[in-house]
N, C-alpha and C. Protein backbone atom coordinates (compact mmCIF):
# COMPACT_ATOMS: atom_id res chain seq x y z
N MET A 1 93.77 126.69 67.97
CA MET A 1 93.04 127.01 69.47
C MET A 1 92.30 128.29 69.12
N PRO A 2 91.12 128.50 69.49
CA PRO A 2 90.49 129.65 69.49
C PRO A 2 90.91 130.68 70.48
N LEU A 3 91.34 132.00 70.16
CA LEU A 3 92.05 132.91 70.86
C LEU A 3 91.18 133.12 72.22
N ARG A 4 90.11 132.96 72.15
CA ARG A 4 89.08 133.28 73.29
C ARG A 4 89.45 132.30 74.37
N VAL A 5 89.90 130.87 74.02
CA VAL A 5 89.93 129.85 74.86
C VAL A 5 91.47 130.13 75.46
N VAL A 6 92.40 130.48 74.63
CA VAL A 6 93.69 130.83 75.08
C VAL A 6 93.61 132.04 76.31
N CYS A 7 92.90 132.97 76.01
CA CYS A 7 92.88 134.08 76.98
C CYS A 7 92.46 133.76 78.31
N LEU A 8 91.16 132.92 78.33
CA LEU A 8 90.58 132.26 79.44
C LEU A 8 91.66 131.73 80.22
N LEU A 9 92.61 130.71 79.53
CA LEU A 9 93.48 129.97 80.21
C LEU A 9 94.70 130.81 80.65
N ALA A 10 94.90 131.93 79.99
CA ALA A 10 95.86 132.93 80.40
C ALA A 10 95.53 133.67 81.85
N VAL A 11 94.22 134.01 81.87
CA VAL A 11 93.72 134.70 83.04
C VAL A 11 93.67 133.86 84.30
N ALA A 12 93.25 132.40 83.94
CA ALA A 12 93.18 131.61 84.93
C ALA A 12 94.50 130.94 85.52
N TRP A 13 95.65 131.05 84.57
CA TRP A 13 96.87 130.45 85.04
C TRP A 13 97.33 131.73 85.91
N VAL A 14 97.48 133.05 85.40
CA VAL A 14 97.99 134.14 86.19
C VAL A 14 97.52 134.11 87.68
N SER A 15 96.14 134.07 87.78
CA SER A 15 95.44 134.02 89.00
C SER A 15 96.14 132.94 89.89
N MET A 16 96.21 131.73 89.17
CA MET A 16 96.67 130.54 90.05
C MET A 16 98.07 130.85 90.60
N VAL A 17 98.89 131.29 89.80
CA VAL A 17 100.29 131.33 90.02
C VAL A 17 100.73 132.59 91.00
N ARG A 18 99.85 133.73 90.82
CA ARG A 18 100.15 134.75 91.55
C ARG A 18 99.34 134.92 92.95
N GLY A 19 98.47 133.97 92.93
CA GLY A 19 97.43 133.90 94.04
C GLY A 19 96.42 135.21 94.18
N ASP A 20 96.15 135.60 92.83
CA ASP A 20 95.00 136.88 92.75
C ASP A 20 93.89 136.36 92.42
N SER A 21 93.26 135.82 93.52
CA SER A 21 91.96 135.19 93.02
C SER A 21 91.01 136.19 93.06
N GLY A 22 91.08 137.20 93.57
CA GLY A 22 89.93 138.35 93.95
C GLY A 22 89.00 137.85 94.73
N ASP A 23 87.81 138.62 94.59
CA ASP A 23 86.59 138.51 95.19
C ASP A 23 85.94 137.22 95.08
N PRO A 24 85.69 136.44 96.09
CA PRO A 24 84.94 135.16 95.69
C PRO A 24 83.67 135.30 95.17
N PRO A 25 83.26 134.20 94.20
CA PRO A 25 82.12 134.53 93.64
C PRO A 25 80.87 134.22 94.52
N PRO A 26 79.66 134.67 94.44
CA PRO A 26 78.42 134.66 95.28
C PRO A 26 78.26 133.04 95.23
N PRO A 27 77.71 132.43 96.41
CA PRO A 27 77.77 131.15 96.67
C PRO A 27 76.76 130.70 95.65
N ASP A 28 75.77 130.99 95.23
CA ASP A 28 74.97 130.68 94.18
C ASP A 28 75.18 130.84 92.62
N GLN A 29 76.46 131.36 92.50
CA GLN A 29 76.81 131.52 91.05
C GLN A 29 76.86 130.23 90.12
N PHE A 30 77.65 129.32 90.84
CA PHE A 30 78.06 127.95 90.32
C PHE A 30 77.20 126.81 90.84
N ALA A 31 76.68 126.10 89.94
CA ALA A 31 76.06 124.80 90.39
C ALA A 31 76.90 123.90 90.83
N PRO A 32 76.51 122.95 92.04
CA PRO A 32 77.63 121.92 92.61
C PRO A 32 77.72 121.11 91.44
N PRO A 33 78.95 120.53 91.53
CA PRO A 33 79.31 119.48 90.60
C PRO A 33 77.97 118.29 90.42
N ALA A 34 77.75 117.72 91.41
CA ALA A 34 76.61 116.67 91.28
C ALA A 34 75.37 117.24 90.43
N GLU A 35 75.10 118.68 90.48
CA GLU A 35 74.11 118.85 89.57
C GLU A 35 74.24 119.05 88.33
N LEU A 36 75.57 119.46 88.01
CA LEU A 36 75.99 119.51 86.86
C LEU A 36 76.06 118.06 85.95
N MET A 37 76.52 117.19 86.70
CA MET A 37 76.91 115.95 86.01
C MET A 37 75.24 115.16 86.14
N THR A 38 74.43 115.44 85.23
CA THR A 38 73.36 114.81 85.29
C THR A 38 73.28 113.62 84.46
N PRO A 39 72.39 112.67 84.50
CA PRO A 39 72.25 111.43 83.89
C PRO A 39 72.45 111.75 82.42
N ALA A 40 71.97 112.79 81.81
CA ALA A 40 71.83 113.09 80.43
C ALA A 40 73.33 113.50 80.21
N ALA A 41 74.03 114.31 80.92
CA ALA A 41 75.26 114.84 80.59
C ALA A 41 76.39 113.73 80.98
N LYS A 42 76.02 112.85 81.70
CA LYS A 42 77.05 111.53 81.88
C LYS A 42 76.90 110.82 80.67
N GLN A 43 75.77 110.60 80.13
CA GLN A 43 75.30 109.90 79.00
C GLN A 43 76.26 110.42 77.70
N LEU A 44 76.01 111.69 77.64
CA LEU A 44 76.89 112.43 76.43
C LEU A 44 78.52 112.36 76.65
N VAL A 45 79.11 112.30 77.70
CA VAL A 45 80.27 112.24 78.02
C VAL A 45 80.54 110.66 77.47
N ASP A 46 79.93 109.91 78.15
CA ASP A 46 80.25 108.28 77.74
C ASP A 46 80.16 108.11 76.35
N ARG A 47 79.34 108.66 75.61
CA ARG A 47 79.23 108.73 74.14
C ARG A 47 80.50 109.22 73.39
N GLY A 48 80.83 110.37 73.98
CA GLY A 48 82.00 110.95 73.51
C GLY A 48 83.13 110.35 73.73
N LEU A 49 83.44 109.70 74.84
CA LEU A 49 84.59 108.71 75.24
C LEU A 49 84.51 107.58 74.32
N GLU A 50 83.41 106.77 74.13
CA GLU A 50 83.35 105.64 73.11
C GLU A 50 83.73 106.06 71.97
N TYR A 51 83.25 107.34 71.33
CA TYR A 51 83.77 107.93 70.03
C TYR A 51 85.40 107.81 69.87
N LEU A 52 86.03 108.36 70.79
CA LEU A 52 87.19 108.32 70.81
C LEU A 52 88.04 107.14 70.57
N SER A 53 87.60 106.19 71.72
CA SER A 53 88.05 104.83 71.83
C SER A 53 87.99 104.14 70.58
N ASN A 54 86.81 104.29 69.62
CA ASN A 54 86.60 103.59 68.50
C ASN A 54 87.45 103.97 67.48
N ARG A 55 88.13 105.27 67.65
CA ARG A 55 88.97 105.93 66.52
C ARG A 55 90.53 106.22 66.90
N GLN A 56 90.80 105.46 67.86
CA GLN A 56 92.36 105.25 68.05
C GLN A 56 92.84 104.17 67.26
N ARG A 57 93.87 105.05 66.67
CA ARG A 57 95.03 104.12 65.72
C ARG A 57 95.59 102.95 66.33
N PRO A 58 95.95 101.98 65.76
CA PRO A 58 96.68 100.93 66.02
C PRO A 58 97.98 101.03 66.99
N ASP A 59 98.64 102.23 66.65
CA ASP A 59 99.94 102.76 67.42
C ASP A 59 99.70 103.71 68.49
N GLY A 60 98.22 103.81 68.83
CA GLY A 60 97.99 104.59 70.09
C GLY A 60 97.53 106.08 69.96
N SER A 61 97.77 106.63 68.46
CA SER A 61 97.47 107.91 68.25
C SER A 61 96.02 108.05 67.86
N PHE A 62 95.96 109.31 67.62
CA PHE A 62 94.56 109.76 67.01
C PHE A 62 94.68 110.76 65.88
N GLY A 63 93.66 111.16 65.12
CA GLY A 63 93.86 112.05 63.89
C GLY A 63 93.71 111.28 62.47
N SER A 64 93.34 112.06 61.65
CA SER A 64 92.95 111.44 60.40
C SER A 64 93.66 112.43 59.30
N GLY A 65 93.88 111.83 58.12
CA GLY A 65 94.61 112.63 56.76
C GLY A 65 95.80 113.28 57.08
N GLN A 66 96.09 114.28 56.91
CA GLN A 66 97.37 114.82 57.31
C GLN A 66 97.58 114.92 58.70
N TRP A 67 96.64 114.78 59.53
CA TRP A 67 96.87 115.01 61.09
C TRP A 67 97.07 113.68 61.70
N ALA A 68 96.94 112.49 60.88
CA ALA A 68 97.04 111.07 61.43
C ALA A 68 98.29 110.99 62.37
N GLY A 69 98.03 110.93 63.80
CA GLY A 69 99.45 110.78 64.44
C GLY A 69 99.75 111.94 65.11
N ASN A 70 98.99 112.96 64.82
CA ASN A 70 99.20 114.40 65.62
C ASN A 70 99.49 114.45 66.92
N ILE A 71 100.61 114.79 67.61
CA ILE A 71 100.81 114.69 68.94
C ILE A 71 99.96 115.51 69.86
N ALA A 72 99.40 116.75 69.39
CA ALA A 72 98.64 117.69 70.10
C ALA A 72 97.29 116.90 69.99
N VAL A 73 96.75 116.45 68.95
CA VAL A 73 95.54 115.93 68.99
C VAL A 73 95.27 114.45 69.96
N THR A 74 96.55 113.57 69.75
CA THR A 74 96.39 112.48 70.52
C THR A 74 96.65 112.91 72.19
N SER A 75 97.28 113.81 72.53
CA SER A 75 97.53 114.01 73.91
C SER A 75 96.13 114.67 74.52
N LEU A 76 95.51 115.24 73.60
CA LEU A 76 94.00 115.99 74.26
C LEU A 76 93.23 114.64 74.26
N ALA A 77 93.11 113.80 73.56
CA ALA A 77 92.11 112.64 73.70
C ALA A 77 92.56 111.77 74.74
N GLY A 78 93.96 111.86 75.01
CA GLY A 78 94.31 111.20 76.25
C GLY A 78 93.96 111.67 77.42
N LEU A 79 94.06 113.01 77.55
CA LEU A 79 93.48 113.83 78.71
C LEU A 79 91.84 113.68 78.79
N ALA A 80 91.03 113.46 77.69
CA ALA A 80 89.85 113.23 77.90
C ALA A 80 89.76 111.88 78.74
N PHE A 81 90.58 110.81 78.38
CA PHE A 81 90.46 109.59 79.15
C PHE A 81 90.70 109.70 80.40
N LEU A 82 91.62 110.50 80.92
CA LEU A 82 92.13 110.72 82.16
C LEU A 82 90.90 111.45 82.78
N SER A 83 90.24 112.16 82.42
CA SER A 83 89.41 113.21 83.00
C SER A 83 87.99 112.29 83.29
N SER A 84 88.01 111.22 82.63
CA SER A 84 86.95 110.30 82.75
C SER A 84 87.14 109.48 84.38
N GLY A 85 88.42 109.57 84.64
CA GLY A 85 88.66 108.47 85.88
C GLY A 85 89.56 107.41 85.34
N SER A 86 89.94 107.31 84.23
CA SER A 86 90.91 106.03 83.83
C SER A 86 92.14 106.35 84.22
N THR A 87 92.94 105.54 84.40
CA THR A 87 94.53 105.43 84.61
C THR A 87 95.19 104.54 83.86
N PRO A 88 96.40 104.71 83.35
CA PRO A 88 96.99 103.30 82.65
C PRO A 88 96.68 102.05 83.40
N GLN A 89 96.51 101.98 84.70
CA GLN A 89 96.38 100.80 85.67
C GLN A 89 94.83 100.40 85.52
N GLU A 90 93.97 101.16 85.51
CA GLU A 90 92.92 100.77 85.93
C GLU A 90 91.64 101.60 85.13
N GLY A 91 90.35 101.24 84.92
CA GLY A 91 89.42 102.08 84.38
C GLY A 91 88.98 101.53 83.03
N PRO A 92 87.91 101.85 82.60
CA PRO A 92 87.48 101.37 81.26
C PRO A 92 88.32 101.51 80.07
N TYR A 93 89.15 102.76 80.24
CA TYR A 93 89.95 103.25 79.07
C TYR A 93 91.46 103.00 79.42
N SER A 94 91.92 102.23 80.23
CA SER A 94 93.28 102.06 80.85
C SER A 94 93.96 101.47 79.71
N GLY A 95 93.64 100.81 78.64
CA GLY A 95 94.31 100.20 77.43
C GLY A 95 94.62 101.34 76.62
N GLU A 96 93.46 102.21 76.24
CA GLU A 96 93.59 103.33 75.55
C GLU A 96 94.97 104.29 75.98
N LEU A 97 94.65 104.37 77.29
CA LEU A 97 95.45 105.51 77.92
C LEU A 97 96.96 104.93 77.72
N THR A 98 97.14 103.55 77.96
CA THR A 98 98.53 102.93 78.05
C THR A 98 99.06 103.05 76.63
N ARG A 99 98.29 102.96 75.37
CA ARG A 99 98.60 103.20 74.14
C ARG A 99 99.15 104.65 73.93
N VAL A 100 98.19 105.59 74.39
CA VAL A 100 98.66 107.10 74.30
C VAL A 100 100.02 107.51 74.92
N VAL A 101 100.19 106.84 76.10
CA VAL A 101 101.49 106.89 76.78
C VAL A 101 102.52 106.55 75.87
N ASP A 102 102.24 105.11 75.40
CA ASP A 102 103.41 104.61 74.49
C ASP A 102 103.95 105.41 73.32
N TYR A 103 102.65 106.12 72.74
CA TYR A 103 103.04 106.79 71.49
C TYR A 103 103.59 108.20 71.84
N VAL A 104 103.13 108.82 72.78
CA VAL A 104 103.95 110.26 73.21
C VAL A 104 105.32 109.99 73.76
N VAL A 105 105.49 109.03 74.35
CA VAL A 105 106.96 108.64 74.98
C VAL A 105 107.86 108.42 73.78
N SER A 106 107.13 107.67 72.73
CA SER A 106 107.84 107.22 71.60
C SER A 106 108.33 108.05 70.71
N ASN A 107 107.54 109.36 70.94
CA ASN A 107 107.83 110.57 69.91
C ASN A 107 108.51 111.81 70.47
N THR A 108 109.08 111.42 71.70
CA THR A 108 109.74 112.34 72.33
C THR A 108 111.23 112.09 72.14
N SER A 109 111.91 113.20 71.41
CA SER A 109 113.15 112.81 71.10
C SER A 109 114.15 112.91 72.23
N ALA A 110 115.53 112.85 71.99
CA ALA A 110 116.52 112.81 73.14
C ALA A 110 116.77 114.17 73.55
N SER A 111 116.31 115.30 72.68
CA SER A 111 116.28 116.62 73.22
C SER A 111 115.18 116.91 73.85
N GLY A 112 114.01 116.14 74.15
CA GLY A 112 112.88 116.48 74.87
C GLY A 112 111.92 116.87 73.80
N PHE A 113 111.97 117.33 72.47
CA PHE A 113 111.07 117.63 71.85
C PHE A 113 109.87 116.62 71.60
N VAL A 114 108.51 117.00 71.85
CA VAL A 114 107.64 116.02 71.69
C VAL A 114 106.88 116.32 70.54
N VAL A 115 107.02 115.36 69.31
CA VAL A 115 106.36 115.81 68.06
C VAL A 115 106.50 114.64 67.26
N TYR A 116 105.60 114.37 66.39
CA TYR A 116 105.61 113.53 65.23
C TYR A 116 105.75 114.46 64.02
N GLN A 117 106.83 114.37 63.49
CA GLN A 117 107.07 115.35 62.38
C GLN A 117 106.35 115.14 61.17
N GLN A 118 105.76 113.97 60.89
CA GLN A 118 105.16 113.80 59.80
C GLN A 118 103.34 114.16 59.75
N ALA A 119 103.07 114.50 61.15
CA ALA A 119 101.87 114.98 61.12
C ALA A 119 101.68 116.34 61.96
N THR A 120 102.68 117.45 61.65
CA THR A 120 102.58 118.52 62.59
C THR A 120 102.28 119.61 61.60
N SER A 121 101.98 120.95 62.44
CA SER A 121 101.75 121.95 61.43
C SER A 121 102.92 123.09 61.38
N HIS A 122 102.60 124.10 61.06
CA HIS A 122 103.80 125.11 60.93
C HIS A 122 104.13 125.46 62.32
N GLY A 123 103.36 124.97 63.37
CA GLY A 123 103.74 125.50 64.65
C GLY A 123 104.00 124.12 65.46
N PRO A 124 105.01 123.45 65.59
CA PRO A 124 105.07 122.15 66.44
C PRO A 124 105.18 122.49 67.75
N MET A 125 105.46 123.66 68.06
CA MET A 125 105.34 124.02 69.39
C MET A 125 103.92 123.67 70.37
N TYR A 126 102.92 123.71 69.57
CA TYR A 126 101.54 123.43 69.99
C TYR A 126 101.58 121.90 70.29
N ASP A 127 102.20 121.04 69.60
CA ASP A 127 102.36 119.61 69.80
C ASP A 127 103.01 119.22 71.25
N HIS A 128 104.11 120.33 71.10
CA HIS A 128 105.26 119.97 72.44
C HIS A 128 104.33 120.42 73.66
N GLY A 129 103.78 121.52 73.50
CA GLY A 129 103.17 121.87 74.78
C GLY A 129 101.90 120.89 75.25
N PHE A 130 101.08 120.44 74.40
CA PHE A 130 100.17 119.55 74.67
C PHE A 130 100.55 118.17 75.04
N GLY A 131 101.70 117.78 74.35
CA GLY A 131 102.09 116.46 74.91
C GLY A 131 102.91 116.67 76.23
N THR A 132 103.70 117.69 76.64
CA THR A 132 104.19 117.89 77.83
C THR A 132 103.18 117.84 78.96
N LEU A 133 102.00 118.50 78.66
CA LEU A 133 101.09 118.61 79.46
C LEU A 133 100.44 117.17 79.87
N PHE A 134 100.25 116.45 78.77
CA PHE A 134 99.54 115.01 78.95
C PHE A 134 100.53 114.38 79.87
N LEU A 135 102.03 114.32 79.44
CA LEU A 135 102.90 113.51 80.31
C LEU A 135 102.99 114.14 81.76
N ALA A 136 102.77 115.17 81.91
CA ALA A 136 102.91 115.87 83.27
C ALA A 136 101.57 115.34 84.16
N GLU A 137 100.40 115.07 83.40
CA GLU A 137 99.25 114.51 84.10
C GLU A 137 99.21 113.16 84.35
N ILE A 138 100.04 112.58 83.57
CA ILE A 138 100.10 110.87 83.54
C ILE A 138 101.05 110.54 84.64
N TYR A 139 101.96 111.49 84.78
CA TYR A 139 103.15 111.10 85.54
C TYR A 139 103.23 110.47 87.16
N GLY A 140 102.06 111.26 87.62
CA GLY A 140 101.83 110.57 88.84
C GLY A 140 100.63 109.37 88.93
N MET A 141 100.38 108.93 87.81
CA MET A 141 99.72 107.76 87.72
C MET A 141 100.39 106.60 87.15
N THR A 142 101.65 106.61 86.93
CA THR A 142 102.32 105.45 86.25
C THR A 142 103.64 105.60 87.05
N ALA A 143 104.21 104.28 87.30
CA ALA A 143 105.70 104.09 87.87
C ALA A 143 106.54 103.85 86.72
N ARG A 144 106.33 104.34 85.43
CA ARG A 144 107.24 103.96 84.31
C ARG A 144 108.25 105.32 84.48
N GLU A 145 109.53 104.73 84.39
CA GLU A 145 110.65 105.82 84.63
C GLU A 145 110.88 106.38 83.30
N ASP A 146 110.51 106.00 82.06
CA ASP A 146 110.48 106.55 80.79
C ASP A 146 109.82 107.79 80.95
N VAL A 147 108.64 107.74 81.42
CA VAL A 147 107.88 108.84 81.67
C VAL A 147 108.27 110.11 82.33
N ARG A 148 109.08 109.77 83.47
CA ARG A 148 109.75 110.75 84.10
C ARG A 148 110.86 111.30 83.45
N GLU A 149 111.73 110.49 82.72
CA GLU A 149 112.71 110.91 81.97
C GLU A 149 112.39 111.88 80.93
N LYS A 150 111.26 111.37 79.95
CA LYS A 150 110.98 112.12 78.84
C LYS A 150 110.20 113.39 79.26
N LEU A 151 109.78 113.60 80.23
CA LEU A 151 108.87 114.83 81.04
C LEU A 151 109.84 115.79 81.23
N LYS A 152 110.86 115.35 82.02
CA LYS A 152 111.85 116.32 82.50
C LYS A 152 112.55 116.88 81.37
N LYS A 153 112.62 116.16 80.31
CA LYS A 153 113.80 116.70 79.13
C LYS A 153 112.54 117.58 78.32
N ALA A 154 111.44 117.41 78.13
CA ALA A 154 110.35 118.25 77.63
C ALA A 154 110.35 119.45 78.52
N VAL A 155 110.31 119.47 79.70
CA VAL A 155 110.19 120.87 80.47
C VAL A 155 111.31 121.59 80.21
N ASN A 156 112.61 120.78 80.19
CA ASN A 156 113.62 121.58 80.08
C ASN A 156 113.80 122.30 78.71
N LEU A 157 113.36 121.65 77.62
CA LEU A 157 113.41 122.20 76.44
C LEU A 157 112.40 123.52 76.32
N ILE A 158 111.04 123.50 77.06
CA ILE A 158 110.28 124.78 77.02
C ILE A 158 110.90 125.82 77.96
N VAL A 159 111.76 125.65 79.02
CA VAL A 159 112.55 126.52 79.86
C VAL A 159 113.51 127.12 78.99
N TYR A 160 114.21 126.40 78.20
CA TYR A 160 115.46 126.70 77.51
C TYR A 160 115.12 127.66 76.15
N THR A 161 113.90 127.41 75.86
CA THR A 161 113.35 128.20 74.40
C THR A 161 112.61 129.40 74.57
N GLN A 162 112.39 129.68 75.97
CA GLN A 162 111.61 131.10 76.39
C GLN A 162 112.46 131.92 75.71
N ASN A 163 111.65 133.22 75.21
CA ASN A 163 112.46 134.07 74.50
C ASN A 163 112.74 135.45 75.39
N ASP A 164 113.32 136.21 75.15
CA ASP A 164 113.43 137.53 75.98
C ASP A 164 112.02 138.27 76.55
N GLN A 165 111.10 138.17 75.39
CA GLN A 165 109.86 138.64 75.77
C GLN A 165 109.22 137.97 77.14
N GLY A 166 109.49 136.63 77.20
CA GLY A 166 109.02 135.80 78.24
C GLY A 166 107.95 134.94 77.55
N GLY A 167 107.83 134.86 76.26
CA GLY A 167 107.01 133.91 75.68
C GLY A 167 107.57 132.88 74.81
N TRP A 168 106.98 132.22 74.00
CA TRP A 168 107.30 131.25 73.00
C TRP A 168 106.52 131.26 71.68
N ARG A 169 107.17 130.87 70.81
CA ARG A 169 106.69 130.89 69.17
C ARG A 169 106.52 129.44 68.67
N TYR A 170 106.32 129.41 67.33
CA TYR A 170 105.79 128.09 66.70
C TYR A 170 107.24 127.11 66.90
N GLU A 171 108.30 127.28 66.79
CA GLU A 171 109.54 126.57 66.86
C GLU A 171 110.19 126.34 68.10
N PRO A 172 111.05 125.27 68.58
CA PRO A 172 111.65 125.09 69.67
C PRO A 172 112.86 125.80 69.74
N ARG A 173 112.62 127.11 69.37
CA ARG A 173 114.14 127.76 69.67
C ARG A 173 113.77 129.18 70.08
N ARG A 174 114.78 129.95 70.78
CA ARG A 174 114.67 131.27 71.07
C ARG A 174 114.70 132.09 69.73
N VAL A 175 113.35 132.94 69.68
CA VAL A 175 113.28 133.88 68.61
C VAL A 175 112.77 135.24 69.12
N ALA A 176 112.87 136.34 68.27
CA ALA A 176 112.57 137.63 68.75
C ALA A 176 111.00 137.73 69.00
N ASP A 177 110.22 137.08 68.50
CA ASP A 177 108.71 137.16 68.83
C ASP A 177 108.20 136.15 69.73
N ALA A 178 107.03 136.09 70.10
CA ALA A 178 106.30 135.18 70.82
C ALA A 178 104.52 135.62 70.53
N ASP A 179 103.99 134.36 70.68
CA ASP A 179 102.52 134.75 70.88
C ASP A 179 101.81 134.25 71.79
N ILE A 180 100.70 134.58 72.12
CA ILE A 180 99.88 134.34 73.33
C ILE A 180 99.42 132.80 73.39
N SER A 181 98.94 132.22 72.13
CA SER A 181 98.55 130.98 72.17
C SER A 181 99.71 130.04 72.47
N VAL A 182 100.61 130.05 71.75
CA VAL A 182 101.91 129.13 71.76
C VAL A 182 102.31 129.14 73.37
N THR A 183 102.46 130.51 73.87
CA THR A 183 102.74 130.64 75.27
C THR A 183 102.04 130.24 76.08
N ILE A 184 100.58 130.23 76.16
CA ILE A 184 99.82 129.67 77.13
C ILE A 184 100.02 128.19 77.06
N CYS A 185 100.07 127.35 75.90
CA CYS A 185 100.29 126.10 75.85
C CYS A 185 101.53 125.65 76.48
N GLN A 186 102.64 126.29 76.44
CA GLN A 186 103.91 126.03 77.07
C GLN A 186 103.68 126.09 78.71
N ILE A 187 103.03 127.11 79.29
CA ILE A 187 103.10 127.52 80.62
C ILE A 187 102.09 126.67 81.34
N MET A 188 100.86 126.28 80.71
CA MET A 188 100.11 125.42 81.38
C MET A 188 100.75 124.00 81.54
N ALA A 189 101.49 123.56 80.51
CA ALA A 189 102.40 122.34 80.58
C ALA A 189 103.43 122.39 81.80
N LEU A 190 103.97 123.50 81.99
CA LEU A 190 105.05 123.64 83.23
C LEU A 190 104.24 123.67 84.24
N ARG A 191 102.95 124.36 84.34
CA ARG A 191 102.27 124.41 85.83
C ARG A 191 101.77 123.03 85.99
N ALA A 192 101.59 122.01 85.11
CA ALA A 192 101.05 120.85 85.37
C ALA A 192 102.47 120.04 85.87
N ALA A 193 103.45 120.37 85.22
CA ALA A 193 104.78 119.53 85.70
C ALA A 193 105.12 119.88 87.16
N ARG A 194 104.95 121.12 87.39
CA ARG A 194 105.19 121.54 88.68
C ARG A 194 104.49 121.24 89.66
N ASN A 195 103.24 120.85 89.34
CA ASN A 195 102.22 120.11 90.21
C ASN A 195 102.53 118.76 90.58
N ALA A 196 103.46 118.13 89.41
CA ALA A 196 103.71 116.63 89.58
C ALA A 196 105.14 116.66 90.30
N GLY A 197 105.59 117.78 90.54
CA GLY A 197 106.90 117.62 91.28
C GLY A 197 107.97 117.69 90.52
N ILE A 198 108.00 118.07 89.44
CA ILE A 198 109.12 118.46 88.40
C ILE A 198 109.60 119.99 88.53
N ALA A 199 110.82 120.17 88.83
CA ALA A 199 111.29 121.56 88.89
C ALA A 199 111.15 122.35 87.87
N VAL A 200 110.66 123.51 88.02
CA VAL A 200 110.39 124.63 86.99
C VAL A 200 110.84 125.79 87.60
N PRO A 201 111.74 126.47 87.07
CA PRO A 201 112.46 127.70 87.41
C PRO A 201 111.28 128.93 87.73
N ARG A 202 111.62 129.64 88.96
CA ARG A 202 110.53 130.62 89.18
C ARG A 202 110.72 131.81 88.13
N GLY A 203 112.05 132.03 87.72
CA GLY A 203 112.34 132.96 86.81
C GLY A 203 111.41 132.83 85.44
N THR A 204 111.28 131.61 85.19
CA THR A 204 110.60 131.31 83.75
C THR A 204 108.91 131.75 83.94
N VAL A 205 108.73 131.44 85.18
CA VAL A 205 107.13 131.51 85.38
C VAL A 205 106.88 133.12 85.47
N ASP A 206 107.66 133.95 86.33
CA ASP A 206 107.72 135.31 86.34
C ASP A 206 107.60 135.99 85.05
N ARG A 207 108.68 135.58 84.12
CA ARG A 207 108.85 136.38 83.00
C ARG A 207 107.54 135.99 82.00
N CYS A 208 107.02 135.03 82.06
CA CYS A 208 105.76 134.31 81.29
C CYS A 208 104.59 135.23 81.75
N THR A 209 104.62 135.28 83.05
CA THR A 209 103.13 136.02 83.69
C THR A 209 103.50 137.51 83.24
N GLN A 210 104.46 138.11 83.41
CA GLN A 210 104.78 139.47 82.80
C GLN A 210 104.18 139.80 81.51
N TYR A 211 104.65 138.74 80.52
CA TYR A 211 104.45 138.57 79.22
C TYR A 211 103.04 138.78 78.74
N VAL A 212 102.26 137.67 79.57
CA VAL A 212 100.79 137.70 79.63
C VAL A 212 100.23 138.93 79.83
N LYS A 213 100.52 139.60 81.05
CA LYS A 213 99.79 140.71 81.35
C LYS A 213 100.04 141.88 80.41
N GLN A 214 101.24 141.96 79.88
CA GLN A 214 101.53 142.89 78.98
C GLN A 214 100.64 142.85 77.52
N SER A 215 100.17 141.51 77.51
CA SER A 215 99.29 141.29 76.22
C SER A 215 97.88 141.61 76.28
N GLN A 216 97.61 142.37 77.65
CA GLN A 216 96.29 142.49 77.72
C GLN A 216 95.78 144.04 77.41
N ASN A 217 94.67 143.85 76.71
CA ASN A 217 94.23 145.34 76.24
C ASN A 217 93.63 146.00 77.43
N PRO A 218 93.41 147.39 77.28
CA PRO A 218 92.74 148.29 78.42
C PRO A 218 91.32 147.76 78.43
N ASP A 219 90.51 147.00 77.34
CA ASP A 219 89.08 146.77 77.80
C ASP A 219 89.10 145.12 78.31
N GLY A 220 90.26 144.66 78.84
CA GLY A 220 90.37 143.38 79.55
C GLY A 220 90.63 142.18 78.48
N GLY A 221 90.33 142.19 77.08
CA GLY A 221 90.85 141.28 76.31
C GLY A 221 92.40 141.03 76.17
N PHE A 222 92.77 140.10 75.21
CA PHE A 222 94.17 139.96 75.00
C PHE A 222 94.39 139.84 73.39
N ARG A 223 95.50 140.26 73.24
CA ARG A 223 95.99 140.41 71.78
C ARG A 223 96.96 139.17 71.45
N TYR A 224 96.70 138.92 70.25
CA TYR A 224 97.69 137.53 69.69
C TYR A 224 99.23 137.76 70.20
N MET A 225 99.65 138.97 69.89
CA MET A 225 101.12 139.37 69.94
C MET A 225 101.38 140.64 70.63
């Protein structure tokens, strides 16, 4: 994930969780959503979703080559279908979403670790963060008990592996160091889970918020570690 994207997520999340929204933007700064979703924009979105649909693997996953079946890639594709308005019960991509749910759930271990080991990188906590985020977003749209069970375990794994700095690193264990990109993946997943009604300790949130703040440079940017 590009560091600039991670930093924007960090700023947005800290603002949401602490309530530090700052001064409201001028009313004319942002175009209304209806103006942004022009017919041309909708056509491009539809083409992108169709592209994803045509490239879903039979087991519900996405990715190719060494990344075939990667949980992070698959979960992000699932989030794209969700953003279009489809759910596992209805919409043009309900079937694709159901297969993504099946795949992510089937690759969530008894410990709560969300990963497909044959297609992960040196940092499987990225897979776990995006996988947990997807489960949290889908949780309120399905009555499946296995989704709730797997989501709770995935959330607990994030909570238990937070290090003393308040962040997370590449592996699902507490280590001495942390980095901003892995950390933001985990805290965004926790935010989504809390929004869905899953308990997240306030202390975990506060320690992470402090870590992100301490990672900011004087010029407003964020460093990796």
